[in-house]
């Protein structure tokens, strides 16, 4: 990762499963030049690792607060993500 890059682990809660949240996250992240992954969690939340330029990361965190049509986001929690190297793409995982 370059010195301008940041990474964050983000948990999104609310009505975020079954509404296309993961596919939407991948599309938005790719538009912003971010890499990482997104997955559904057993507790009904969505967990995402996002990495890239600080400005893009900030924009993605703001977009998470609204989500795709059909979602109802009640919380966005940002936590640290220590990475030895930046992921090369953005993936939807299980």
PDB file of N, CA and C in Angstrom:
ATOM      1  N   UNK A   1       0.845  -1.173   0.000  1.00  0.00           N
ATOM      2  CA  UNK A   1       0.000   0.000   0.000  1.00  0.00           C
ATOM      3  C   UNK A   1       0.884   1.228   0.000  1.00  0.00           C
ATOM      4  N   UNK A   2       0.459   2.240  -0.736  1.00  0.00           N
ATOM      5  CA  UNK A   2       1.220   3.481  -0.768  1.00  0.00           C
ATOM      6  C   UNK A   2       0.935   4.288   0.486  1.00  0.00           C
ATOM      7  N   UNK A   3       1.727   5.330   0.711  1.00  0.00           N
ATOM      8  CA  UNK A   3       1.548   6.140   1.913  1.00  0.00           C
ATOM      9  C   UNK A   3       0.222   6.891   1.903  1.00  0.00           C
ATOM     10  N   UNK A   4      -0.393   7.079   0.739  1.00  0.00           N
ATOM     11  CA  UNK A   4      -1.682   7.763   0.649  1.00  0.00           C
ATOM     12  C   UNK A   4      -2.862   6.825   0.879  1.00  0.00           C
ATOM     13  N   UNK A   5      -2.602   5.534   0.941  1.00  0.00           N
ATOM     14  CA  UNK A   5      -3.675   4.557   1.078  1.00  0.00           C
ATOM     15  C   UNK A   5      -4.018   4.300   2.539  1.00  0.00           C
ATOM     16  N   UNK A   6      -5.282   3.950   2.748  1.00  0.00           N
ATOM     17  CA  UNK A   6      -5.779   3.553   4.055  1.00  0.00           C
ATOM     18  C   UNK A   6      -6.570   2.272   3.887  1.00  0.00           C
ATOM     19  N   UNK A   7      -6.848   1.620   5.001  1.00  0.00           N
ATOM     20  CA  UNK A   7      -7.688   0.426   4.984  1.00  0.00           C
ATOM     21  C   UNK A   7      -8.592   0.450   6.212  1.00  0.00           C
ATOM     22  N   UNK A   8      -9.781  -0.104   6.066  1.00  0.00           N
ATOM     23  CA  UNK A   8     -10.731  -0.159   7.178  1.00  0.00           C
ATOM     24  C   UNK A   8     -11.575  -1.415   7.073  1.00  0.00           C
ATOM     25  N   UNK A   9     -11.924  -1.949   8.233  1.00  0.00           N
ATOM     26  CA  UNK A   9     -12.899  -3.020   8.335  1.00  0.00           C
ATOM     27  C   UNK A   9     -14.203  -2.334   8.739  1.00  0.00           C
ATOM     28  N   UNK A  10     -15.264  -2.559   7.969  1.00  0.00           N
ATOM     29  CA  UNK A  10     -16.509  -1.841   8.192  1.00  0.00           C
ATOM     30  C   UNK A  10     -17.659  -2.831   8.349  1.00  0.00           C
ATOM     31  N   UNK A  11     -18.433  -2.657   9.424  1.00  0.00           N
ATOM     32  CA  UNK A  11     -19.633  -3.474   9.644  1.00  0.00           C
ATOM     33  C   UNK A  11     -20.844  -2.577   9.422  1.00  0.00           C
ATOM     34  N   UNK A  12     -21.742  -3.031   8.528  1.00  0.00           N
ATOM     35  CA  UNK A  12     -22.950  -2.276   8.215  1.00  0.00           C
ATOM     36  C   UNK A  12     -24.133  -3.086   8.740  1.00  0.00           C
ATOM     37  N   UNK A  13     -24.999  -2.431   9.522  1.00  0.00           N
ATOM     38  CA  UNK A  13     -26.145  -3.100  10.117  1.00  0.00           C
ATOM     39  C   UNK A  13     -27.443  -2.466   9.640  1.00  0.00           C
ATOM     40  N   UNK A  14     -28.524  -3.189   9.852  1.00  0.00           N
ATOM     41  CA  UNK A  14     -29.841  -2.757   9.413  1.00  0.00           C
ATOM     42  C   UNK A  14     -30.396  -3.795   8.452  1.00  0.00           C
ATOM     43  N   UNK A  15     -31.271  -3.363   7.546  1.00  0.00           N
ATOM     44  CA  UNK A  15     -31.766  -4.271   6.502  1.00  0.00           C
ATOM     45  C   UNK A  15     -30.776  -4.190   5.346  1.00  0.00           C
ATOM     46  N   UNK A  16     -29.724  -5.024   5.419  1.00  0.00           N
ATOM     47  CA  UNK A  16     -28.631  -4.952   4.452  1.00  0.00           C
ATOM     48  C   UNK A  16     -28.363  -6.274   3.739  1.00  0.00           C
ATOM     49  N   UNK A  17     -29.103  -7.314   4.106  1.00  0.00           N
ATOM     50  CA  UNK A  17     -28.986  -8.580   3.386  1.00  0.00           C
ATOM     51  C   UNK A  17     -30.256  -8.799   2.579  1.00  0.00           C
ATOM     52  N   UNK A  18     -30.100  -9.394   1.402  1.00  0.00           N
ATOM     53  CA  UNK A  18     -31.247  -9.667   0.541  1.00  0.00           C
ATOM     54  C   UNK A  18     -31.702  -8.456  -0.263  1.00  0.00           C
ATOM     55  N   UNK A  19     -30.868  -7.411  -0.302  1.00  0.00           N
ATOM     56  CA  UNK A  19     -31.220  -6.188  -1.035  1.00  0.00           C
ATOM     57  C   UNK A  19     -30.144  -5.804  -2.052  1.00  0.00           C
ATOM     58  N   UNK A  20     -29.216  -6.711  -2.330  1.00  0.00           N
ATOM     59  CA  UNK A  20     -28.158  -6.426  -3.302  1.00  0.00           C
ATOM     60  C   UNK A  20     -27.020  -5.593  -2.746  1.00  0.00           C
ATOM     61  N   UNK A  21     -26.861  -5.582  -1.430  1.00  0.00           N
ATOM     62  CA  UNK A  21     -25.854  -4.728  -0.797  1.00  0.00           C
ATOM     63  C   UNK A  21     -24.434  -5.094  -1.217  1.00  0.00           C
ATOM     64  N   UNK A  22     -24.142  -6.391  -1.298  1.00  0.00           N
ATOM     65  CA  UNK A  22     -22.771  -6.801  -1.648  1.00  0.00           C
ATOM     66  C   UNK A  22     -22.417  -6.412  -3.079  1.00  0.00           C
ATOM     67  N   UNK A  23     -23.300  -6.665  -4.024  1.00  0.00           N
ATOM     68  CA  UNK A  23     -23.024  -6.291  -5.417  1.00  0.00           C
ATOM     69  C   UNK A  23     -22.902  -4.770  -5.548  1.00  0.00           C
ATOM     70  N   UNK A  24     -23.772  -4.045  -4.870  1.00  0.00           N
ATOM     71  CA  UNK A  24     -23.722  -2.585  -4.878  1.00  0.00           C
ATOM     72  C   UNK A  24     -22.395  -2.088  -4.302  1.00  0.00           C
ATOM     73  N   UNK A  25     -21.945  -2.722  -3.205  1.00  0.00           N
ATOM     74  CA  UNK A  25     -20.678  -2.338  -2.584  1.00  0.00           C
ATOM     75  C   UNK A  25     -19.525  -2.526  -3.560  1.00  0.00           C
ATOM     76  N   UNK A  26     -19.501  -3.667  -4.244  1.00  0.00           N
ATOM     77  CA  UNK A  26     -18.424  -3.907  -5.212  1.00  0.00           C
ATOM     78  C   UNK A  26     -18.437  -2.839  -6.301  1.00  0.00           C
ATOM     79  N   UNK A  27     -19.595  -2.522  -6.846  1.00  0.00           N
ATOM     80  CA  UNK A  27     -19.692  -1.513  -7.906  1.00  0.00           C
ATOM     81  C   UNK A  27     -19.219  -0.146  -7.420  1.00  0.00           C
ATOM     82  N   UNK A  28     -19.679   0.262  -6.240  1.00  0.00           N
ATOM     83  CA  UNK A  28     -19.291   1.567  -5.696  1.00  0.00           C
ATOM     84  C   UNK A  28     -17.795   1.611  -5.396  1.00  0.00           C
ATOM     85  N   UNK A  29     -17.276   0.549  -4.803  1.00  0.00           N
ATOM     86  CA  UNK A  29     -15.846   0.493  -4.476  1.00  0.00           C
ATOM     87  C   UNK A  29     -14.996   0.581  -5.743  1.00  0.00           C
ATOM     88  N   UNK A  30     -15.385  -0.140  -6.778  1.00  0.00           N
ATOM     89  CA  UNK A  30     -14.632  -0.096  -8.029  1.00  0.00           C
ATOM     90  C   UNK A  30     -14.679   1.294  -8.647  1.00  0.00           C
ATOM     91  N   UNK A  31     -15.829   1.976  -8.564  1.00  0.00           N
ATOM     92  CA  UNK A  31     -15.925   3.353  -9.075  1.00  0.00           C
ATOM     93  C   UNK A  31     -14.958   4.291  -8.361  1.00  0.00           C
ATOM     94  N   UNK A  32     -14.739   4.020  -7.081  1.00  0.00           N
ATOM     95  CA  UNK A  32     -13.882   4.879  -6.264  1.00  0.00           C
ATOM     96  C   UNK A  32     -12.418   4.434  -6.259  1.00  0.00           C
ATOM     97  N   UNK A  33     -12.110   3.381  -6.992  1.00  0.00           N
ATOM     98  CA  UNK A  33     -10.732   2.893  -7.056  1.00  0.00           C
ATOM     99  C   UNK A  33     -10.289   2.155  -5.806  1.00  0.00           C
ATOM    100  N   UNK A  34     -11.243   1.547  -5.102  1.00  0.00           N
ATOM    101  CA  UNK A  34     -10.941   0.818  -3.875  1.00  0.00           C
ATOM    102  C   UNK A  34     -10.848  -0.677  -4.136  1.00  0.00           C
ATOM    103  N   UNK A  35     -10.145  -1.375  -3.274  1.00  0.00           N
ATOM    104  CA  UNK A  35     -10.034  -2.823  -3.352  1.00  0.00           C
ATOM    105  C   UNK A  35     -10.447  -3.413  -2.004  1.00  0.00           C
ATOM    106  N   UNK A  36     -10.627  -4.732  -1.975  1.00  0.00           N
ATOM    107  CA  UNK A  36     -10.982  -5.415  -0.736  1.00  0.00           C
ATOM    108  C   UNK A  36     -12.008  -6.487  -0.975  1.00  0.00           C
ATOM    109  N   UNK A  37     -12.921  -6.651  -0.032  1.00  0.00           N
ATOM    110  CA  UNK A  37     -13.965  -7.666  -0.141  1.00  0.00           C
ATOM    111  C   UNK A  37     -15.169  -7.263   0.693  1.00  0.00           C
ATOM    112  N   UNK A  38     -16.301  -7.938   0.435  1.00  0.00           N
ATOM    113  CA  UNK A  38     -17.537  -7.729   1.194  1.00  0.00           C
ATOM    114  C   UNK A  38     -18.234  -9.073   1.344  1.00  0.00           C
ATOM    115  N   UNK A  39     -18.844  -9.287   2.528  1.00  0.00           N
ATOM    116  CA  UNK A  39     -19.550 -10.555   2.757  1.00  0.00           C
ATOM    117  C   UNK A  39     -20.703 -10.341   3.731  1.00  0.00           C
ATOM    118  N   UNK A  40     -21.699 -11.242   3.641  1.00  0.00           N
ATOM    119  CA  UNK A  40     -22.786 -11.295   4.607  1.00  0.00           C
ATOM    120  C   UNK A  40     -22.292 -12.003   5.857  1.00  0.00           C
ATOM    121  N   UNK A  41     -22.771 -11.555   7.013  1.00  0.00           N
ATOM    122  CA  UNK A  41     -22.421 -12.180   8.276  1.00  0.00           C
ATOM    123  C   UNK A  41     -23.639 -12.923   8.829  1.00  0.00           C
ATOM    124  N   UNK A  42     -23.429 -13.957   9.638  1.00  0.00           N
ATOM    125  CA  UNK A  42     -24.553 -14.726  10.187  1.00  0.00           C
ATOM    126  C   UNK A  42     -25.522 -13.892  11.027  1.00  0.00           C
ATOM    127  N   UNK A  43     -25.063 -12.780  11.598  1.00  0.00           N
ATOM    128  CA  UNK A  43     -25.937 -11.954  12.439  1.00  0.00           C
ATOM    129  C   UNK A  43     -26.813 -10.994  11.639  1.00  0.00           C
ATOM    130  N   UNK A  44     -26.745 -11.065  10.294  1.00  0.00           N
ATOM    131  CA  UNK A  44     -27.565 -10.211   9.439  1.00  0.00           C
ATOM    132  C   UNK A  44     -26.874  -8.944   8.984  1.00  0.00           C
ATOM    133  N   UNK A  45     -25.667  -8.711   9.468  1.00  0.00           N
ATOM    134  CA  UNK A  45     -24.907  -7.536   9.038  1.00  0.00           C
ATOM    135  C   UNK A  45     -24.107  -7.858   7.778  1.00  0.00           C
ATOM    136  N   UNK A  46     -23.467  -6.837   7.248  1.00  0.00           N
ATOM    137  CA  UNK A  46     -22.535  -6.990   6.131  1.00  0.00           C
ATOM    138  C   UNK A  46     -21.183  -6.489   6.620  1.00  0.00           C
ATOM    139  N   UNK A  47     -20.125  -7.237   6.320  1.00  0.00           N
ATOM    140  CA  UNK A  47     -18.772  -6.866   6.710  1.00  0.00           C
ATOM    141  C   UNK A  47     -17.965  -6.608   5.453  1.00  0.00           C
ATOM    142  N   UNK A  48     -17.209  -5.507   5.448  1.00  0.00           N
ATOM    143  CA  UNK A  48     -16.404  -5.166   4.279  1.00  0.00           C
ATOM    144  C   UNK A  48     -15.014  -4.718   4.694  1.00  0.00           C
ATOM    145  N   UNK A  49     -14.029  -5.169   3.955  1.00  0.00           N
ATOM    146  CA  UNK A  49     -12.669  -4.657   4.055  1.00  0.00           C
ATOM    147  C   UNK A  49     -12.494  -3.746   2.854  1.00  0.00           C
ATOM    148  N   UNK A  50     -12.201  -2.489   3.096  1.00  0.00           N
ATOM    149  CA  UNK A  50     -11.996  -1.569   1.985  1.00  0.00           C
ATOM    150  C   UNK A  50     -10.621  -0.935   2.127  1.00  0.00           C
ATOM    151  N   UNK A  51      -9.928  -0.818   0.997  1.00  0.00           N
ATOM    152  CA  UNK A  51      -8.573  -0.268   1.000  1.00  0.00           C
ATOM    153  C   UNK A  51      -8.372   0.592  -0.238  1.00  0.00           C
ATOM    154  N   UNK A  52      -7.595   1.659  -0.067  1.00  0.00           N
ATOM    155  CA  UNK A  52      -7.285   2.529  -1.193  1.00  0.00           C
ATOM    156  C   UNK A  52      -7.042   3.950  -0.734  1.00  0.00           C
ATOM    157  N   UNK A  53      -7.103   4.889  -1.658  1.00  0.00           N
ATOM    158  CA  UNK A  53      -6.852   6.285  -1.328  1.00  0.00           C
ATOM    159  C   UNK A  53      -7.803   6.786  -0.229  1.00  0.00           C
ATOM    160  N   UNK A  54      -7.278   7.606   0.664  1.00  0.00           N
ATOM    161  CA  UNK A  54      -8.063   8.101   1.801  1.00  0.00           C
ATOM    162  C   UNK A  54      -9.348   8.786   1.354  1.00  0.00           C
ATOM    163  N   UNK A  55      -9.301   9.555   0.291  1.00  0.00           N
ATOM    164  CA  UNK A  55     -10.498  10.259  -0.188  1.00  0.00           C
ATOM    165  C   UNK A  55     -11.568   9.267  -0.634  1.00  0.00           C
ATOM    166  N   UNK A  56     -11.175   8.221  -1.342  1.00  0.00           N
ATOM    167  CA  UNK A  56     -12.124   7.203  -1.787  1.00  0.00           C
ATOM    168  C   UNK A  56     -12.710   6.438  -0.620  1.00  0.00           C
ATOM    169  N   UNK A  57     -11.872   6.146   0.365  1.00  0.00           N
ATOM    170  CA  UNK A  57     -12.341   5.442   1.551  1.00  0.00           C
ATOM    171  C   UNK A  57     -13.390   6.284   2.287  1.00  0.00           C
ATOM    172  N   UNK A  58     -13.132   7.557   2.428  1.00  0.00           N
ATOM    173  CA  UNK A  58     -14.075   8.463   3.079  1.00  0.00           C
ATOM    174  C   UNK A  58     -15.403   8.513   2.332  1.00  0.00           C
ATOM    175  N   UNK A  59     -15.338   8.580   1.001  1.00  0.00           N
ATOM    176  CA  UNK A  59     -16.561   8.602   0.197  1.00  0.00           C
ATOM    177  C   UNK A  59     -17.334   7.295   0.341  1.00  0.00           C
ATOM    178  N   UNK A  60     -16.628   6.168   0.378  1.00  0.00           N
ATOM    179  CA  UNK A  60     -17.298   4.874   0.499  1.00  0.00           C
ATOM    180  C   UNK A  60     -17.991   4.760   1.851  1.00  0.00           C
ATOM    181  N   UNK A  61     -17.347   5.240   2.902  1.00  0.00           N
ATOM    182  CA  UNK A  61     -17.981   5.212   4.229  1.00  0.00           C
ATOM    183  C   UNK A  61     -19.272   6.018   4.223  1.00  0.00           C
ATOM    184  N   UNK A  62     -19.284   7.139   3.542  1.00  0.00           N
ATOM    185  CA  UNK A  62     -20.501   7.955   3.444  1.00  0.00           C
ATOM    186  C   UNK A  62     -21.576   7.215   2.635  1.00  0.00           C
ATOM    187  N   UNK A  63     -21.186   6.557   1.563  1.00  0.00           N
ATOM    188  CA  UNK A  63     -22.152   5.811   0.737  1.00  0.00           C
ATOM    189  C   UNK A  63     -22.751   4.640   1.505  1.00  0.00           C
ATOM    190  N   UNK A  64     -21.935   4.016   2.375  1.00  0.00           N
ATOM    191  CA  UNK A  64     -22.455   2.925   3.198  1.00  0.00           C
ATOM    192  C   UNK A  64     -23.626   3.397   4.051  1.00  0.00           C
ATOM    193  N   UNK A  65     -23.648   4.637   4.468  1.00  0.00           N
ATOM    194  CA  UNK A  65     -24.705   5.154   5.348  1.00  0.00           C
ATOM    195  C   UNK A  65     -26.078   5.144   4.665  1.00  0.00           C
ATOM    196  N   UNK A  66     -26.081   5.109   3.330  1.00  0.00           N
ATOM    197  CA  UNK A  66     -27.339   5.099   2.583  1.00  0.00           C
ATOM    198  C   UNK A  66     -27.609   3.740   1.951  1.00  0.00           C
ATOM    199  N   UNK A  67     -26.585   3.111   1.384  1.00  0.00           N
ATOM    200  CA  UNK A  67     -26.730   1.804   0.762  1.00  0.00           C
ATOM    201  C   UNK A  67     -27.530   1.859  -0.524  1.00  0.00           C
ATOM    202  N   UNK A  68     -27.788   0.701  -1.104  1.00  0.00           N
ATOM    203  CA  UNK A  68     -28.542   0.617  -2.353  1.00  0.00           C
ATOM    204  C   UNK A  68     -30.038   0.779  -2.107  1.00  0.00           C
ATOM    205  N   UNK A  69     -30.806   0.975  -3.184  1.00  0.00           N
ATOM    206  CA  UNK A  69     -32.269   1.003  -3.019  1.00  0.00           C
ATOM    207  C   UNK A  69     -32.735  -0.289  -2.337  1.00  0.00           C
ATOM    208  N   UNK A  70     -33.655  -0.169  -1.419  1.00  0.00           N
ATOM    209  CA  UNK A  70     -34.164  -1.326  -0.705  1.00  0.00           C
ATOM    210  C   UNK A  70     -33.476  -1.574   0.625  1.00  0.00           C
ATOM    211  N   UNK A  71     -32.293  -1.011   0.821  1.00  0.00           N
ATOM    212  CA  UNK A  71     -31.589  -1.175   2.090  1.00  0.00           C
ATOM    213  C   UNK A  71     -32.078  -0.133   3.088  1.00  0.00           C
ATOM    214  N   UNK A  72     -31.950  -0.467   4.344  1.00  0.00           N
ATOM    215  CA  UNK A  72     -32.241   0.475   5.428  1.00  0.00           C
ATOM    216  C   UNK A  72     -31.101   0.348   6.429  1.00  0.00           C
ATOM    217  N   UNK A  73     -30.114   1.210   6.302  1.00  0.00           N
ATOM    218  CA  UNK A  73     -28.907   1.140   7.114  1.00  0.00           C
ATOM    219  C   UNK A  73     -29.165   1.785   8.473  1.00  0.00           C
ATOM    220  N   UNK A  74     -28.876   1.032   9.540  1.00  0.00           N
ATOM    221  CA  UNK A  74     -29.030   1.590  10.876  1.00  0.00           C
ATOM    222  C   UNK A  74     -27.690   1.902  11.524  1.00  0.00           C
ATOM    223  N   UNK A  75     -26.596   1.335  11.008  1.00  0.00           N
ATOM    224  CA  UNK A  75     -25.288   1.613  11.593  1.00  0.00           C
ATOM    225  C   UNK A  75     -24.151   1.288  10.658  1.00  0.00           C
ATOM    226  N   UNK A  76     -23.082   2.096  10.748  1.00  0.00           N
ATOM    227  CA  UNK A  76     -21.846   1.860  10.012  1.00  0.00           C
ATOM    228  C   UNK A  76     -20.715   2.008  11.023  1.00  0.00           C
ATOM    229  N   UNK A  77     -20.038   0.907  11.321  1.00  0.00           N
ATOM    230  CA  UNK A  77     -18.954   0.914  12.293  1.00  0.00           C
ATOM    231  C   UNK A  77     -17.637   0.671  11.581  1.00  0.00           C
ATOM    232  N   UNK A  78     -16.719   1.644  11.713  1.00  0.00           N
ATOM    233  CA  UNK A  78     -15.399   1.520  11.098  1.00  0.00           C
ATOM    234  C   UNK A  78     -14.400   1.051  12.149  1.00  0.00           C
ATOM    235  N   UNK A  79     -13.640   0.031  11.779  1.00  0.00           N
ATOM    236  CA  UNK A  79     -12.585  -0.475  12.649  1.00  0.00           C
ATOM    237  C   UNK A  79     -11.279  -0.547  11.886  1.00  0.00           C
ATOM    238  N   UNK A  80     -10.197  -0.797  12.579  1.00  0.00           N
ATOM    239  CA  UNK A  80      -8.893  -0.868  11.923  1.00  0.00           C
ATOM    240  C   UNK A  80      -8.749  -2.134  11.076  1.00  0.00           C
ATOM    241  N   UNK A  81      -7.917  -2.039  10.082  1.00  0.00           N
ATOM    242  CA  UNK A  81      -7.586  -3.189   9.235  1.00  0.00           C
ATOM    243  C   UNK A  81      -6.102  -3.099   8.919  1.00  0.00           C
ATOM    244  N   UNK A  82      -5.321  -3.956   9.522  1.00  0.00           N
ATOM    245  CA  UNK A  82      -3.883  -3.968   9.285  1.00  0.00           C
ATOM    246  C   UNK A  82      -3.594  -4.878   8.095  1.00  0.00           C
ATOM    247  N   UNK A  83      -3.044  -4.301   7.043  1.00  0.00           N
ATOM    248  CA  UNK A  83      -2.735  -5.064   5.837  1.00  0.00           C
ATOM    249  C   UNK A  83      -1.254  -4.973   5.519  1.00  0.00           C
ATOM    250  N   UNK A  84      -0.653  -6.098   5.177  1.00  0.00           N
ATOM    251  CA  UNK A  84       0.738  -6.093   4.738  1.00  0.00           C
ATOM    252  C   UNK A  84       0.829  -5.544   3.321  1.00  0.00           C
ATOM    253  N   UNK A  85      -0.195  -5.829   2.522  1.00  0.00           N
ATOM    254  CA  UNK A  85      -0.252  -5.307   1.159  1.00  0.00           C
ATOM    255  C   UNK A  85      -1.706  -5.098   0.760  1.00  0.00           C
ATOM    256  N   UNK A  86      -1.916  -4.175  -0.145  1.00  0.00           N
ATOM    257  CA  UNK A  86      -3.259  -3.830  -0.600  1.00  0.00           C
ATOM    258  C   UNK A  86      -3.828  -4.947  -1.473  1.00  0.00           C
ATOM    259  N   UNK A  87      -5.101  -5.322  -1.274  1.00  0.00           N
ATOM    260  CA  UNK A  87      -5.726  -6.305  -2.171  1.00  0.00           C
ATOM    261  C   UNK A  87      -5.688  -5.789  -3.614  1.00  0.00           C
ATOM    262  N   UNK A  88      -5.695  -6.701  -4.570  1.00  0.00           N
ATOM    263  CA  UNK A  88      -5.556  -6.307  -5.973  1.00  0.00           C
ATOM    264  C   UNK A  88      -6.886  -5.997  -6.658  1.00  0.00           C
ATOM    265  N   UNK A  89      -8.009  -6.436  -6.066  1.00  0.00           N
ATOM    266  CA  UNK A  89      -9.312  -6.178  -6.676  1.00  0.00           C
ATOM    267  C   UNK A  89     -10.357  -6.115  -5.569  1.00  0.00           C
ATOM    268  N   UNK A  90     -11.623  -6.073  -5.958  1.00  0.00           N
ATOM    269  CA  UNK A  90     -12.706  -6.060  -4.973  1.00  0.00           C
ATOM    270  C   UNK A  90     -13.577  -7.272  -5.228  1.00  0.00           C
ATOM    271  N   UNK A  91     -13.800  -8.077  -4.185  1.00  0.00           N
ATOM    272  CA  UNK A  91     -14.541  -9.333  -4.339  1.00  0.00           C
ATOM    273  C   UNK A  91     -15.743  -9.419  -3.411  1.00  0.00           C
ATOM    274  N   UNK A  92     -16.763 -10.084  -3.887  1.00  0.00           N
ATOM    275  CA  UNK A  92     -17.894 -10.470  -3.052  1.00  0.00           C
ATOM    276  C   UNK A  92     -17.590 -11.879  -2.574  1.00  0.00           C
ATOM    277  N   UNK A  93     -17.581 -12.068  -1.256  1.00  0.00           N
ATOM    278  CA  UNK A  93     -17.317 -13.397  -0.709  1.00  0.00           C
ATOM    279  C   UNK A  93     -18.548 -13.873   0.037  1.00  0.00           C
ATOM    280  N   UNK A  94     -18.517 -15.063   0.514  1.00  0.00           N
ATOM    281  CA  UNK A  94     -19.645 -15.639   1.255  1.00  0.00           C
ATOM    282  C   UNK A  94     -19.693 -15.018   2.565  1.00  0.00           C
TER     283      UNK A  94
END
